[in-house]
Structures are given as structure tokens and as C-alpha cells.
C-alpha atoms as a PDB file:
ATOM      1  CA  MET A   1       3.462  14.333   7.967  1.00  0.00           C
ATOM      2  CA  PHE A   2       3.927  13.722   4.285  1.00  0.00           C
ATOM      3  CA  ASP A   3       1.208  11.861   2.540  1.00  0.00           C
ATOM      4  CA  ILE A   4       2.037   8.025   1.666  1.00  0.00           C
ATOM      5  CA  PRO A   5       0.623   6.928  -1.598  1.00  0.00           C
ATOM      6  CA  ASP A   6      -2.322   4.575  -1.348  1.00  0.00           C
ATOM      7  CA  THR A   7      -0.036   2.279  -3.907  1.00  0.00           C
ATOM      8  CA  VAL A   8       2.155   1.370  -1.383  1.00  0.00           C
ATOM      9  CA  THR A   9      -0.320   0.921   1.626  1.00  0.00           C
ATOM     10  CA  GLU A  10      -3.003  -1.439   2.166  1.00  0.00           C
ATOM     11  CA  THR A  11      -5.954  -1.637   4.619  1.00  0.00           C
ATOM     12  CA  ILE A  12      -5.741  -4.619   7.156  1.00  0.00           C
ATOM     13  CA  HIS A  13      -7.643  -5.991  10.138  1.00  0.00           C
ATOM     14  CA  ALA A  14      -6.263  -6.679  13.377  1.00  0.00           C
ATOM     15  CA  HIS A  15      -5.793 -10.296  12.807  1.00  0.00           C
ATOM     16  CA  GLN A  16      -3.445  -9.646  10.056  1.00  0.00           C
ATOM     17  CA  LEU A  17      -0.811  -7.729  12.006  1.00  0.00           C
ATOM     18  CA  THR A  18       2.587  -9.379  12.123  1.00  0.00           C
ATOM     19  CA  VAL A  19       5.876  -8.753  13.872  1.00  0.00           C
ATOM     20  CA  GLY A  20       7.710  -6.562  11.711  1.00  0.00           C
ATOM     21  CA  ARG A  21       4.658  -4.955   9.958  1.00  0.00           C
ATOM     22  CA  VAL A  22       5.108  -1.409   9.296  1.00  0.00           C
ATOM     23  CA  ILE A  23       1.441   0.094  10.377  1.00  0.00           C
ATOM     24  CA  PHE A  24       0.159   3.641  10.463  1.00  0.00           C
ATOM     25  CA  LEU A  25      -1.111   4.269  14.094  1.00  0.00           C
ATOM     26  CA  PRO A  26      -4.910   5.078  14.079  1.00  0.00           C
ATOM     27  CA  MET A  27      -5.005   7.621  16.551  1.00  0.00           C
ATOM     28  CA  THR A  28      -1.799   9.945  15.181  1.00  0.00           C
ATOM     29  CA  GLU A  29      -0.847   8.431  11.552  1.00  0.00           C
ATOM     30  CA  HIS A  30       2.687   7.927  12.553  1.00  0.00           C
ATOM     31  CA  ARG A  31       4.528   4.959  11.024  1.00  0.00           C
ATOM     32  CA  VAL A  32       5.647   2.511  13.319  1.00  0.00           C
ATOM     33  CA  GLU A  33       7.181  -1.102  13.088  1.00  0.00           C
ATOM     34  CA  VAL A  34       5.109  -3.613  15.242  1.00  0.00           C
ATOM     35  CA  GLU A  35       7.485  -5.783  17.569  1.00  0.00           C
ATOM     36  CA  THR A  36       4.753  -7.550  19.436  1.00  0.00           C
ATOM     37  CA  VAL A  37       1.169  -7.895  18.985  1.00  0.00           C
ATOM     38  CA  HIS A  38      -1.807  -9.296  20.936  1.00  0.00           C
ATOM     39  CA  VAL A  39      -5.342  -9.432  19.978  1.00  0.00           C
ATOM     40  CA  ASN A  40      -8.130 -10.355  22.410  1.00  0.00           C
ATOM     41  CA  GLY A  41     -10.883  -9.827  20.230  1.00  0.00           C
ATOM     42  CA  GLN A  42     -11.935  -6.629  21.758  1.00  0.00           C
ATOM     43  CA  TYR A  43      -8.568  -4.777  21.717  1.00  0.00           C
ATOM     44  CA  VAL A  44      -5.230  -4.854  19.681  1.00  0.00           C
ATOM     45  CA  HIS A  45      -2.066  -4.143  22.057  1.00  0.00           C
ATOM     46  CA  VAL A  46       1.101  -3.562  19.917  1.00  0.00           C
ATOM     47  CA  ASP A  47       4.619  -2.718  21.285  1.00  0.00           C
ATOM     48  CA  THR A  48       6.966  -0.949  18.651  1.00  0.00           C
ATOM     49  CA  THR A  49      10.479  -1.407  18.154  1.00  0.00           C
ATOM     50  CA  ARG A  50      10.834   2.138  19.630  1.00  0.00           C
ATOM     51  CA  GLY A  51       9.822   0.816  22.960  1.00  0.00           C
ATOM     52  CA  HIS A  52       6.109   2.556  22.625  1.00  0.00           C
ATOM     53  CA  THR A  53       2.908   0.467  23.547  1.00  0.00           C
ATOM     54  CA  PHE A  54      -0.333   1.195  21.984  1.00  0.00           C
ATOM     55  CA  MET A  55      -3.758  -0.127  22.237  1.00  0.00           C
ATOM     56  CA  TRP A  56      -6.965   0.296  20.273  1.00  0.00           C
ATOM     57  CA  PRO A  57     -10.386  -1.294  19.601  1.00  0.00           C
ATOM     58  CA  ALA A  58      -9.728  -4.423  17.543  1.00  0.00           C
ATOM     59  CA  THR A  59     -12.624  -3.735  15.125  1.00  0.00           C
ATOM     60  CA  GLU A  60     -10.598  -0.688  13.651  1.00  0.00           C
ATOM     61  CA  ARG A  61      -9.024  -1.233  10.266  1.00  0.00           C
ATOM     62  CA  LEU A  62      -5.382  -0.239   9.838  1.00  0.00           C
ATOM     63  CA  ARG A  63      -3.240   1.271   7.254  1.00  0.00           C
ATOM     64  CA  ALA A  64      -0.160  -0.726   6.568  1.00  0.00           C
ATOM     65  CA  LEU A  65       2.779  -0.789   4.127  1.00  0.00           C
ATOM     66  CA  ARG A  66       2.748  -3.434   1.796  1.00  0.00           C
END
């Protein structure tokens, strides 16, 4: 994967995730667009516009496009 410059990304917390936001998945660094998001305090559950579902600890910070 090519490197995305820090000038176009930011680090966000799980509670800052919104529908339509483009994020980089913590486990793979693949870029995905958020379709739905649920944060239950322990985990973040995200469905993407490409039909994939991902879950990770809510304490983990994410890289996102600005």
C-alpha cells in the first residue's frame, strides 16, 4: 500500500467516527468508508460501504482522512 501523508490524515477516537468517514483499519491499514458504526464502550463495530464488518477495541485510536 502507498503511504498517505500525515497532512491529509488525523488521529481520532472511536466516538469521533461518523457515517461517511474514511478510516484506515487498525489491523490492516486498508482505507474504508464507514457505513454504520456502533461503539459500546469496549468495542467499535463498523460496517463499510463495501459490505465488510470489522470490530476492534474502543480504546484504539484510528487514522482517518480529514
